[in-house]
Amino acid sequence: MTVTTKRGWKWAYRKLRDLHCSRASAAYRAALYVLRGDTGTFICEVTHKKIRINR
């Protein structure tokens, strides 16, 4: 029996919050991740780093 990791909205939201993104931005990008499988490239407001999460 294989164990798979569930990477849904909650996982993406926490990952983005750990990267110091705002709550609104993290929620929006987590929803994009669930719907499309990709957050798209964006720059975090606090760290000014380029971020992209995809499957």
PDB file of N, CA and C in Angstrom:
ATOM      1  N   MET A   1       0.843  -1.173   0.000  1.00  0.00           N
ATOM      2  CA  MET A   1       0.000   0.000   0.000  1.00  0.00           C
ATOM      3  C   MET A   1       0.893   1.243   0.000  1.00  0.00           C
ATOM      4  N   THR A   2       0.639   2.161  -0.905  1.00  0.00           N
ATOM      5  CA  THR A   2       1.459   3.362  -0.993  1.00  0.00           C
ATOM      6  C   THR A   2       0.834   4.501  -0.212  1.00  0.00           C
ATOM      7  N   VAL A   3       1.669   5.328   0.308  1.00  0.00           N
ATOM      8  CA  VAL A   3       1.212   6.496   1.048  1.00  0.00           C
ATOM      9  C   VAL A   3       1.459   7.716   0.171  1.00  0.00           C
ATOM     10  N   THR A   4       0.419   8.489  -0.087  1.00  0.00           N
ATOM     11  CA  THR A   4       0.568   9.690  -0.903  1.00  0.00           C
ATOM     12  C   THR A   4       0.378  10.915  -0.024  1.00  0.00           C
ATOM     13  N   THR A   5       1.098  11.953  -0.353  1.00  0.00           N
ATOM     14  CA  THR A   5       0.945  13.200   0.383  1.00  0.00           C
ATOM     15  C   THR A   5      -0.151  14.016  -0.277  1.00  0.00           C
ATOM     16  N   LYS A   6      -1.025  14.548   0.529  1.00  0.00           N
ATOM     17  CA  LYS A   6      -2.091  15.378  -0.006  1.00  0.00           C
ATOM     18  C   LYS A   6      -1.624  16.820   0.013  1.00  0.00           C
ATOM     19  N   ARG A   7      -1.506  17.370  -1.174  1.00  0.00           N
ATOM     20  CA  ARG A   7      -1.098  18.760  -1.299  1.00  0.00           C
ATOM     21  C   ARG A   7      -2.259  19.555  -1.840  1.00  0.00           C
ATOM     22  N   GLY A   8      -3.118  19.969  -0.936  1.00  0.00           N
ATOM     23  CA  GLY A   8      -4.309  20.718  -1.313  1.00  0.00           C
ATOM     24  C   GLY A   8      -4.179  22.179  -0.934  1.00  0.00           C
ATOM     25  N   TRP A   9      -5.347  22.801  -0.735  1.00  0.00           N
ATOM     26  CA  TRP A   9      -5.394  24.224  -0.439  1.00  0.00           C
ATOM     27  C   TRP A   9      -4.659  24.549   0.858  1.00  0.00           C
ATOM     28  N   LYS A  10      -4.900  23.743   1.882  1.00  0.00           N
ATOM     29  CA  LYS A  10      -4.293  24.015   3.185  1.00  0.00           C
ATOM     30  C   LYS A  10      -2.765  23.939   3.113  1.00  0.00           C
ATOM     31  N   TRP A  11      -2.249  22.935   2.410  1.00  0.00           N
ATOM     32  CA  TRP A  11      -0.800  22.791   2.260  1.00  0.00           C
ATOM     33  C   TRP A  11      -0.207  23.997   1.535  1.00  0.00           C
ATOM     34  N   ALA A  12      -0.847  24.404   0.437  1.00  0.00           N
ATOM     35  CA  ALA A  12      -0.345  25.538  -0.343  1.00  0.00           C
ATOM     36  C   ALA A  12      -0.423  26.830   0.470  1.00  0.00           C
ATOM     37  N   TYR A  13      -1.520  27.012   1.204  1.00  0.00           N
ATOM     38  CA  TYR A  13      -1.677  28.217   2.021  1.00  0.00           C
ATOM     39  C   TYR A  13      -0.579  28.303   3.084  1.00  0.00           C
ATOM     40  N   ARG A  14      -0.347  27.193   3.778  1.00  0.00           N
ATOM     41  CA  ARG A  14       0.688  27.195   4.822  1.00  0.00           C
ATOM     42  C   ARG A  14       2.069  27.414   4.232  1.00  0.00           C
ATOM     43  N   LYS A  15       2.333  26.824   3.073  1.00  0.00           N
ATOM     44  CA  LYS A  15       3.623  26.989   2.403  1.00  0.00           C
ATOM     45  C   LYS A  15       3.847  28.457   2.051  1.00  0.00           C
ATOM     46  N   LEU A  16       2.831  29.105   1.524  1.00  0.00           N
ATOM     47  CA  LEU A  16       2.949  30.512   1.159  1.00  0.00           C
ATOM     48  C   LEU A  16       3.060  31.414   2.384  1.00  0.00           C
ATOM     49  N   ARG A  17       2.332  31.083   3.444  1.00  0.00           N
ATOM     50  CA  ARG A  17       2.448  31.874   4.678  1.00  0.00           C
ATOM     51  C   ARG A  17       3.830  31.715   5.295  1.00  0.00           C
ATOM     52  N   ASP A  18       4.403  30.509   5.184  1.00  0.00           N
ATOM     53  CA  ASP A  18       5.767  30.298   5.675  1.00  0.00           C
ATOM     54  C   ASP A  18       6.775  31.118   4.890  1.00  0.00           C
ATOM     55  N   LEU A  19       6.437  31.463   3.661  1.00  0.00           N
ATOM     56  CA  LEU A  19       7.304  32.297   2.827  1.00  0.00           C
ATOM     57  C   LEU A  19       7.018  33.782   3.031  1.00  0.00           C
ATOM     58  N   HIS A  20       6.242  34.113   4.069  1.00  0.00           N
ATOM     59  CA  HIS A  20       5.929  35.476   4.508  1.00  0.00           C
ATOM     60  C   HIS A  20       5.055  36.247   3.533  1.00  0.00           C
ATOM     61  N   CYS A  21       4.137  35.558   2.871  1.00  0.00           N
ATOM     62  CA  CYS A  21       3.160  36.247   2.028  1.00  0.00           C
ATOM     63  C   CYS A  21       1.964  36.652   2.878  1.00  0.00           C
ATOM     64  N   SER A  22       1.254  37.676   2.446  1.00  0.00           N
ATOM     65  CA  SER A  22       0.104  38.138   3.209  1.00  0.00           C
ATOM     66  C   SER A  22      -0.997  37.073   3.175  1.00  0.00           C
ATOM     67  N   ARG A  23      -1.942  37.184   4.091  1.00  0.00           N
ATOM     68  CA  ARG A  23      -3.026  36.200   4.171  1.00  0.00           C
ATOM     69  C   ARG A  23      -3.869  36.196   2.905  1.00  0.00           C
ATOM     70  N   ALA A  24      -4.186  37.386   2.413  1.00  0.00           N
ATOM     71  CA  ALA A  24      -5.019  37.481   1.218  1.00  0.00           C
ATOM     72  C   ALA A  24      -4.306  36.887   0.004  1.00  0.00           C
ATOM     73  N   SER A  25      -3.054  37.226  -0.164  1.00  0.00           N
ATOM     74  CA  SER A  25      -2.281  36.717  -1.294  1.00  0.00           C
ATOM     75  C   SER A  25      -2.106  35.208  -1.193  1.00  0.00           C
ATOM     76  N   ALA A  26      -1.842  34.711   0.008  1.00  0.00           N
ATOM     77  CA  ALA A  26      -1.664  33.275   0.202  1.00  0.00           C
ATOM     78  C   ALA A  26      -2.963  32.527  -0.085  1.00  0.00           C
ATOM     79  N   ALA A  27      -4.098  33.062   0.338  1.00  0.00           N
ATOM     80  CA  ALA A  27      -5.386  32.410   0.088  1.00  0.00           C
ATOM     81  C   ALA A  27      -5.692  32.381  -1.404  1.00  0.00           C
ATOM     82  N   TYR A  28      -5.454  33.492  -2.089  1.00  0.00           N
ATOM     83  CA  TYR A  28      -5.711  33.563  -3.531  1.00  0.00           C
ATOM     84  C   TYR A  28      -4.808  32.603  -4.292  1.00  0.00           C
ATOM     85  N   ARG A  29      -3.523  32.606  -3.972  1.00  0.00           N
ATOM     86  CA  ARG A  29      -2.567  31.743  -4.668  1.00  0.00           C
ATOM     87  C   ARG A  29      -2.805  30.266  -4.346  1.00  0.00           C
ATOM     88  N   ALA A  30      -3.238  29.958  -3.132  1.00  0.00           N
ATOM     89  CA  ALA A  30      -3.559  28.571  -2.777  1.00  0.00           C
ATOM     90  C   ALA A  30      -4.760  28.082  -3.587  1.00  0.00           C
ATOM     91  N   ALA A  31      -5.742  28.966  -3.787  1.00  0.00           N
ATOM     92  CA  ALA A  31      -6.899  28.604  -4.610  1.00  0.00           C
ATOM     93  C   ALA A  31      -6.473  28.354  -6.056  1.00  0.00           C
ATOM     94  N   LEU A  32      -5.570  29.177  -6.577  1.00  0.00           N
ATOM     95  CA  LEU A  32      -5.056  28.955  -7.928  1.00  0.00           C
ATOM     96  C   LEU A  32      -4.319  27.629  -8.020  1.00  0.00           C
ATOM     97  N   TYR A  33      -3.578  27.304  -6.986  1.00  0.00           N
ATOM     98  CA  TYR A  33      -2.836  26.041  -6.975  1.00  0.00           C
ATOM     99  C   TYR A  33      -3.792  24.856  -7.038  1.00  0.00           C
ATOM    100  N   VAL A  34      -4.880  24.927  -6.297  1.00  0.00           N
ATOM    101  CA  VAL A  34      -5.850  23.819  -6.286  1.00  0.00           C
ATOM    102  C   VAL A  34      -6.564  23.721  -7.636  1.00  0.00           C
ATOM    103  N   LEU A  35      -6.944  24.850  -8.205  1.00  0.00           N
ATOM    104  CA  LEU A  35      -7.706  24.841  -9.456  1.00  0.00           C
ATOM    105  C   LEU A  35      -6.847  24.523 -10.683  1.00  0.00           C
ATOM    106  N   ARG A  36      -5.664  25.139 -10.770  1.00  0.00           N
ATOM    107  CA  ARG A  36      -4.842  24.997 -11.967  1.00  0.00           C
ATOM    108  C   ARG A  36      -3.611  24.123 -11.781  1.00  0.00           C
ATOM    109  N   GLY A  37      -3.198  23.909 -10.531  1.00  0.00           N
ATOM    110  CA  GLY A  37      -1.979  23.158 -10.289  1.00  0.00           C
ATOM    111  C   GLY A  37      -0.747  24.038 -10.341  1.00  0.00           C
ATOM    112  N   ASP A  38      -0.944  25.340 -10.379  1.00  0.00           N
ATOM    113  CA  ASP A  38       0.164  26.284 -10.485  1.00  0.00           C
ATOM    114  C   ASP A  38      -0.278  27.627  -9.907  1.00  0.00           C
ATOM    115  N   THR A  39       0.597  28.247  -9.128  1.00  0.00           N
ATOM    116  CA  THR A  39       0.257  29.552  -8.568  1.00  0.00           C
ATOM    117  C   THR A  39       0.617  30.678  -9.511  1.00  0.00           C
ATOM    118  N   GLY A  40       1.451  30.394 -10.486  1.00  0.00           N
ATOM    119  CA  GLY A  40       1.963  31.457 -11.337  1.00  0.00           C
ATOM    120  C   GLY A  40       3.095  32.156 -10.610  1.00  0.00           C
ATOM    121  N   THR A  41       3.905  32.861 -11.327  1.00  0.00           N
ATOM    122  CA  THR A  41       5.029  33.567 -10.718  1.00  0.00           C
ATOM    123  C   THR A  41       4.546  34.895 -10.143  1.00  0.00           C
ATOM    124  N   PHE A  42       4.928  35.164  -8.925  1.00  0.00           N
ATOM    125  CA  PHE A  42       4.589  36.440  -8.301  1.00  0.00           C
ATOM    126  C   PHE A  42       5.674  36.802  -7.305  1.00  0.00           C
ATOM    127  N   ILE A  43       5.688  38.052  -6.889  1.00  0.00           N
ATOM    128  CA  ILE A  43       6.686  38.539  -5.945  1.00  0.00           C
ATOM    129  C   ILE A  43       6.012  38.789  -4.614  1.00  0.00           C
ATOM    130  N   CYS A  44       6.575  38.224  -3.555  1.00  0.00           N
ATOM    131  CA  CYS A  44       6.042  38.383  -2.208  1.00  0.00           C
ATOM    132  C   CYS A  44       6.276  39.821  -1.733  1.00  0.00           C
ATOM    133  N   GLU A  45       5.302  40.393  -1.048  1.00  0.00           N
ATOM    134  CA  GLU A  45       5.384  41.788  -0.619  1.00  0.00           C
ATOM    135  C   GLU A  45       6.463  42.026   0.433  1.00  0.00           C
ATOM    136  N   VAL A  46       6.658  41.068   1.322  1.00  0.00           N
ATOM    137  CA  VAL A  46       7.577  41.254   2.446  1.00  0.00           C
ATOM    138  C   VAL A  46       9.022  40.952   2.055  1.00  0.00           C
ATOM    139  N   THR A  47       9.242  39.795   1.455  1.00  0.00           N
ATOM    140  CA  THR A  47      10.617  39.365   1.162  1.00  0.00           C
ATOM    141  C   THR A  47      11.096  39.792  -0.210  1.00  0.00           C
ATOM    142  N   HIS A  48      10.190  40.210  -1.090  1.00  0.00           N
ATOM    143  CA  HIS A  48      10.512  40.613  -2.461  1.00  0.00           C
ATOM    144  C   HIS A  48      11.222  39.509  -3.226  1.00  0.00           C
ATOM    145  N   LYS A  49      10.831  38.258  -2.934  1.00  0.00           N
ATOM    146  CA  LYS A  49      11.371  37.119  -3.648  1.00  0.00           C
ATOM    147  C   LYS A  49      10.349  36.656  -4.692  1.00  0.00           C
ATOM    148  N   LYS A  50      10.848  36.118  -5.792  1.00  0.00           N
ATOM    149  CA  LYS A  50       9.994  35.584  -6.827  1.00  0.00           C
ATOM    150  C   LYS A  50       9.608  34.160  -6.406  1.00  0.00           C
ATOM    151  N   ILE A  51       8.294  33.879  -6.388  1.00  0.00           N
ATOM    152  CA  ILE A  51       7.786  32.607  -5.900  1.00  0.00           C
ATOM    153  C   ILE A  51       6.886  31.976  -6.959  1.00  0.00           C
ATOM    154  N   ARG A  52       6.976  30.652  -7.063  1.00  0.00           N
ATOM    155  CA  ARG A  52       6.064  29.890  -7.929  1.00  0.00           C
ATOM    156  C   ARG A  52       5.978  28.469  -7.374  1.00  0.00           C
ATOM    157  N   ILE A  53       4.755  27.995  -7.143  1.00  0.00           N
ATOM    158  CA  ILE A  53       4.535  26.632  -6.684  1.00  0.00           C
ATOM    159  C   ILE A  53       3.716  25.927  -7.760  1.00  0.00           C
ATOM    160  N   ASN A  54       4.217  24.792  -8.223  1.00  0.00           N
ATOM    161  CA  ASN A  54       3.471  24.017  -9.206  1.00  0.00           C
ATOM    162  C   ASN A  54       3.604  22.545  -8.913  1.00  0.00           C
ATOM    163  N   ARG A  55       2.728  21.746  -9.539  1.00  0.00           N
ATOM    164  CA  ARG A  55       2.758  20.300  -9.330  1.00  0.00           C
ATOM    165  C   ARG A  55       3.690  19.648 -10.292  1.00  0.00           C
TER     166      ARG A  55
END
